[in-house]
Protein backbone atom coordinates (compact mmCIF):
# COMPACT_ATOMS: atom_id res chain seq x y z
CA MET A 1 186.49 45.46 106.35
CA GLU A 2 185.85 48.18 104.25
CA GLN A 3 182.61 50.00 104.02
CA ILE A 4 181.45 52.79 101.75
CA THR A 5 178.96 55.06 103.19
CA ARG A 6 178.02 57.69 101.66
CA PRO A 7 176.68 60.98 103.76
CA ASN A 8 173.00 60.89 104.90
CA LEU A 9 171.18 63.49 103.07
CA SER A 10 167.32 64.78 103.30
CA TYR A 11 165.67 64.69 100.17
CA TRP A 12 166.35 68.05 99.81
CA GLN A 13 169.84 68.55 100.28
CA ASP A 14 169.90 65.71 97.94
CA ALA A 15 168.51 67.52 95.17
CA TRP A 16 170.49 70.61 95.49
CA ARG A 17 173.65 68.22 95.70
CA ARG A 18 172.03 67.41 91.95
CA ILE A 19 171.28 70.74 90.73
CA LYS A 20 175.16 72.13 91.88
CA LYS A 21 176.91 68.96 89.93
CA ASN A 22 174.44 69.49 86.45
CA LYS A 23 176.73 72.30 85.64
CA VAL A 24 173.51 73.91 82.49
CA ALA A 25 171.15 73.72 85.20
CA PHE A 26 173.77 74.93 87.72
CA CYS A 27 174.84 77.90 85.64
CA SER A 28 171.19 78.68 84.43
CA LEU A 29 169.88 79.04 87.70
CA LEU A 30 172.82 81.78 88.07
CA LEU A 31 171.83 83.16 84.70
CA ILE A 32 167.93 83.51 86.59
CA LEU A 33 169.43 85.01 89.93
CA LEU A 34 171.58 87.73 87.83
CA TYR A 35 168.87 88.83 85.63
CA ALA A 36 166.73 89.18 89.16
CA LEU A 37 169.22 91.03 90.55
CA LEU A 38 169.87 93.28 88.29
CA ALA A 39 166.22 93.85 87.16
CA ILE A 40 165.31 94.86 91.42
CA PHE A 41 168.55 97.01 91.79
CA ALA A 42 169.40 98.79 88.33
CA PRO A 43 167.13 101.51 87.75
CA MET A 44 167.13 101.99 91.34
CA PHE A 45 171.34 102.72 90.86
CA SER A 46 170.93 104.42 87.51
CA GLN A 47 171.10 108.40 87.15
CA TYR A 48 169.02 107.87 83.90
CA GLY A 49 164.84 107.04 84.95
CA PHE A 50 162.80 104.69 82.82
CA ALA A 51 160.51 107.29 81.33
CA GLU A 52 163.12 110.12 81.32
CA VAL A 53 162.98 111.66 77.68
CA ASP A 54 166.43 113.26 76.29
CA SER A 55 165.77 114.27 72.49
CA SER A 56 169.24 115.41 72.34
CA HIS A 57 170.28 111.22 72.53
CA MET A 58 167.97 109.92 70.31
CA ASN A 59 169.08 106.57 68.40
CA GLU A 60 172.84 106.57 70.42
CA PHE A 61 174.41 102.77 69.85
CA PHE A 62 175.72 101.17 72.98
CA SER A 63 178.47 103.86 74.50
CA ALA A 64 179.75 104.38 78.29
CA GLN A 65 177.02 106.74 78.73
CA HIS A 66 174.34 104.49 77.19
CA TRP A 67 175.51 100.77 77.86
CA LEU A 68 172.68 99.37 75.87
CA GLY A 69 172.19 102.62 73.44
CA THR A 70 168.81 104.61 73.62
CA ASP A 71 165.29 104.27 71.93
CA SER A 72 163.90 106.73 69.31
CA LEU A 73 162.91 109.26 72.19
CA GLY A 74 166.24 109.50 74.06
CA ARG A 75 165.38 106.72 76.94
CA ASP A 76 168.14 105.06 78.40
CA LEU A 77 167.52 101.09 77.10
CA TRP A 78 169.48 100.10 80.11
CA VAL A 79 167.40 101.23 82.67
CA ARG A 80 164.11 100.15 80.28
CA THR A 81 165.41 96.52 79.96
CA TRP A 82 165.99 95.77 83.30
CA ARG A 83 162.76 98.18 84.40
CA GLY A 84 161.12 95.85 81.54
CA ALA A 85 162.66 92.83 83.04
CA ARG A 86 161.39 93.36 86.67
CA VAL A 87 157.48 93.62 85.56
CA SER A 88 157.49 91.13 82.90
CA LEU A 89 160.11 88.66 85.95
CA SER A 90 157.47 89.62 88.42
CA ILE A 91 154.35 88.81 85.88
CA GLY A 92 156.32 85.29 84.78
CA PHE A 93 156.64 84.27 88.58
CA ILE A 94 153.44 85.57 90.48
CA ALA A 95 151.20 83.92 87.45
CA ALA A 96 152.99 80.81 87.34
CA VAL A 97 152.76 80.11 91.65
CA LEU A 98 149.42 80.97 91.84
CA ASN A 99 148.65 78.72 88.36
CA ALA A 100 150.59 75.66 90.41
CA CYS A 101 148.30 76.24 93.84
CA ILE A 102 145.16 76.59 92.24
CA GLY A 103 146.07 73.45 89.58
CA ALA A 104 147.38 71.66 92.64
CA VAL A 105 144.10 72.11 95.11
CA ILE A 106 141.92 71.64 92.26
CA GLY A 107 143.56 68.52 91.07
CA GLY A 108 144.49 67.22 94.62
CA VAL A 109 140.67 67.39 95.70
CA SER A 110 139.68 65.93 92.52
CA GLY A 111 141.92 62.83 92.38
CA TYR A 112 141.80 62.48 96.37
CA TYR A 113 137.68 62.01 96.37
CA GLY A 114 136.88 60.80 92.97
CA GLY A 115 133.20 60.18 92.09
CA LYS A 116 131.17 62.55 91.22
CA LEU A 117 133.31 65.70 92.47
CA ASP A 118 135.82 64.36 90.06
CA MET A 119 133.56 64.29 87.22
CA VAL A 120 132.44 67.62 87.65
CA ILE A 121 135.66 68.61 87.87
CA MET A 122 136.90 66.88 84.59
CA ARG A 123 134.38 67.69 82.61
CA ILE A 124 134.88 71.63 83.25
CA ILE A 125 138.36 71.24 82.72
CA ASP A 126 138.06 69.42 79.76
CA VAL A 127 135.30 72.03 78.47
CA LEU A 128 137.90 75.02 79.24
CA TYR A 129 140.77 72.84 77.94
CA GLY A 130 138.84 72.70 74.17
CA ILE A 131 138.77 76.46 74.12
CA PRO A 132 142.44 77.76 72.76
CA SER A 133 144.17 79.35 76.26
CA LEU A 134 145.36 82.11 73.68
CA ILE A 135 141.83 83.46 72.80
CA VAL A 136 140.20 83.72 76.34
CA THR A 137 143.74 85.11 77.64
CA ILE A 138 142.79 87.78 75.24
CA LEU A 139 139.12 88.35 75.54
CA VAL A 140 139.76 88.64 79.56
CA MET A 141 142.28 91.65 78.53
CA VAL A 142 139.84 93.04 76.65
CA VAL A 143 136.91 93.10 79.35
CA LEU A 144 139.19 93.88 81.99
CA GLY A 145 141.85 96.47 80.04
CA SER A 146 145.93 97.22 80.37
CA GLY A 147 147.55 96.89 83.05
CA ILE A 148 149.40 94.56 85.02
CA PRO A 149 146.47 93.17 87.92
CA SER A 150 144.69 92.46 84.77
CA LEU A 151 147.17 90.36 82.99
CA ILE A 152 147.95 88.23 85.79
CA VAL A 153 144.34 87.57 86.21
CA ALA A 154 144.58 86.96 82.52
CA LEU A 155 146.95 84.46 83.15
CA ILE A 156 145.68 82.66 85.19
CA ILE A 157 141.93 81.94 84.71
CA VAL A 158 143.24 78.94 82.25
CA GLY A 159 146.47 78.71 83.25
CA TRP A 160 145.55 76.28 85.76
CA ILE A 161 144.47 73.00 84.37
CA GLY A 162 147.71 71.55 83.45
CA THR A 163 148.61 71.82 86.68
CA ALA A 164 145.57 70.24 88.28
CA ARG A 165 145.03 67.70 85.25
CA PHE A 166 148.96 66.18 86.21
CA VAL A 167 148.60 66.27 89.92
CA ARG A 168 144.90 64.71 89.68
CA GLY A 169 147.14 61.72 88.25
CA GLU A 170 149.80 61.40 90.67
CA VAL A 171 146.64 61.87 93.20
CA LEU A 172 145.05 58.61 91.60
CA ARG A 173 148.14 56.96 91.62
CA LEU A 174 149.24 57.73 95.31
CA LYS A 175 146.09 57.48 97.21
CA GLU A 176 146.09 53.52 96.66
CA GLN A 177 149.88 53.55 98.67
CA ASP A 178 150.33 51.66 102.17
CA PHE A 179 150.67 54.92 103.95
CA VAL A 180 147.69 56.76 102.78
CA SER A 181 145.93 53.48 104.01
CA ALA A 182 147.92 53.83 107.05
CA ALA A 183 146.84 57.26 107.80
CA LYS A 184 143.11 56.24 107.32
CA VAL A 185 143.26 53.51 109.62
CA LEU A 186 144.67 55.66 112.19
CA GLY A 187 141.84 58.46 111.88
CA VAL A 188 144.17 61.03 109.99
CA SER A 189 141.15 63.36 108.42
CA ASN A 190 141.01 63.80 104.83
CA LEU A 191 142.52 67.15 104.70
CA LYS A 192 145.47 65.87 106.42
CA ILE A 193 146.36 63.03 104.14
CA ILE A 194 146.08 65.44 101.34
CA ILE A 195 148.18 68.68 102.63
CA LYS A 196 150.96 66.00 104.71
CA HIS A 197 151.36 62.75 102.73
CA ILE A 198 149.74 63.32 99.54
CA ILE A 199 151.12 66.84 98.34
CA PRO A 200 154.63 66.31 99.81
CA ASN A 201 154.99 63.37 97.32
CA ILE A 202 154.58 65.13 94.26
CA MET A 203 156.41 68.56 95.40
CA GLY A 204 159.11 67.84 93.51
CA LEU A 205 157.36 67.03 90.22
CA ILE A 206 154.71 70.10 91.28
CA ILE A 207 157.92 72.67 92.00
CA THR A 208 159.54 70.87 88.45
CA ASN A 209 156.03 71.52 86.37
CA LEU A 210 156.04 75.46 88.02
CA THR A 211 159.83 75.68 86.38
CA MET A 212 158.37 75.03 83.20
CA ALA A 213 155.24 77.08 83.71
CA VAL A 214 157.25 80.26 83.96
CA PRO A 215 158.74 80.78 80.54
CA ASN A 216 155.53 80.61 79.15
CA ALA A 217 153.97 82.78 81.20
CA ILE A 218 156.74 85.56 80.36
CA PHE A 219 156.47 84.69 76.57
CA ARG A 220 152.79 85.38 77.09
CA GLU A 221 152.94 88.53 78.69
CA ALA A 222 155.36 90.20 76.28
CA PHE A 223 152.81 88.70 73.38
CA LEU A 224 149.92 90.27 74.97
CA SER A 225 152.47 93.67 75.33
CA TYR A 226 153.60 93.42 71.62
CA ILE A 227 149.97 93.40 70.60
CA GLY A 228 148.97 96.08 72.78
CA LEU A 229 146.91 94.44 75.54
CA GLY A 230 149.47 94.18 78.07
CA ILE A 231 151.41 96.71 80.42
CA ALA A 232 150.15 100.29 79.30
CA PRO A 233 152.88 103.02 78.81
CA PRO A 234 154.99 104.55 80.24
CA GLU A 235 154.93 101.36 81.94
CA CYS A 236 157.73 99.30 80.05
CA SER A 237 158.07 95.20 79.39
CA TRP A 238 160.16 93.40 77.38
CA GLY A 239 157.20 92.37 75.16
CA ILE A 240 157.27 96.70 75.35
CA LEU A 241 160.22 96.71 74.27
CA ALA A 242 160.34 94.39 71.41
CA LYS A 243 157.07 96.17 70.23
CA GLU A 244 159.06 99.62 69.93
CA GLY A 245 162.12 97.62 68.52
CA VAL A 246 160.26 96.67 65.83
CA LYS A 247 159.46 100.59 64.96
CA MET A 248 163.01 100.60 64.33
CA LEU A 249 164.43 97.02 63.25
CA ARG A 250 165.34 98.56 59.48
CA ILE A 251 167.64 101.89 60.70
CA GLU A 252 168.45 100.76 64.10
CA ALA A 253 168.17 96.84 64.79
CA TYR A 254 169.86 96.89 67.79
CA GLN A 255 166.89 98.37 69.63
CA LEU A 256 164.60 94.97 68.84
CA PHE A 257 167.94 93.18 69.35
CA VAL A 258 168.15 94.03 73.34
CA PRO A 259 165.14 92.88 74.31
CA ALA A 260 164.75 89.79 71.98
CA PHE A 261 168.17 88.82 73.57
CA PHE A 262 166.84 88.92 77.46
CA ILE A 263 163.06 87.31 76.21
CA CYS A 264 165.69 84.45 74.32
CA THR A 265 167.99 83.43 77.41
CA THR A 266 165.60 83.88 80.28
CA MET A 267 163.05 81.46 78.76
CA LEU A 268 166.39 78.61 77.76
CA ALA A 269 167.96 79.23 81.04
CA LEU A 270 164.39 78.45 83.11
CA ASN A 271 163.72 75.95 80.75
CA LEU A 272 167.22 74.10 81.47
CA LEU A 273 166.68 74.73 84.89
CA GLY A 274 163.52 72.49 84.68
CA ASP A 275 164.96 69.75 82.63
CA GLY A 276 167.61 69.97 85.82
CA LEU A 277 165.09 69.75 88.18
CA ARG A 278 163.14 67.35 86.63
CA ASP A 279 166.01 64.86 87.38
CA ALA A 280 167.21 66.29 90.74
CA LEU A 281 163.50 65.92 92.31
CA ASP A 282 163.43 62.67 90.68
CA PRO A 283 163.22 60.47 94.23
CA LYS A 284 164.13 57.07 91.66
CA LEU A 285 167.14 58.33 91.02
CA ARG A 286 168.02 58.81 94.84
CA GLY A 287 171.11 56.29 96.05
CA THR A 288 171.90 55.78 92.52
CA GLU A 289 175.12 58.26 92.13
């Protein structure tokens, strides 16, 4: 008698298999990894410094010597692009991870315990949600000043709200399930139930939400740097490069198109990867292929 069998895979192994089968999501993941590697190593192995000024090579187009040309001060745009990528990507990922952690904890506690605690937390979230987050971010940057630490703090002041509301809704659904009731009967503490039973069941959704949050953090960093509230010179980011490129738009348009290209492709890749992760981490789809 013939039997049709499928390999016995864990949840994460099955998710990785689905990601590899999704060509768009897998190529997006490879592109993000490529950008991350270039951001780490390209400035280290270049003969030019990201702040090195050379008045004899100002506004040069792409060449064998300067792969992405030079800016109005003669600085190599290849090095500055990947130095800026290092700053933009690190800020985006750090802010998104911290927002996910803070939101997961607050939303998990609010949804699990309920009652007055849930009411107080949700009213605070409602008040914060009613204030435009960009205005709050700008006000925080004005108070704290420019710089990477200030920018990260500004991005997490209200950035956790969406994750908290999402996690709270999932916890409200899960805490009524039989496995949670069984854990309570066995005398498992509330903290262990949240950490070992509830959070793992929504970890896939949290990761997907995190992937979607990274492009938003990168865009906010670029916008704040563009308006002069982000990274302080001589440090650079993609927002700083775009700001400097706008000044040369009518003369040397490539100086704007280079950072704009990398900002757009990074945000597109992260969003496509997030779509792929949403499908790959959905437990309802396990066993359907």
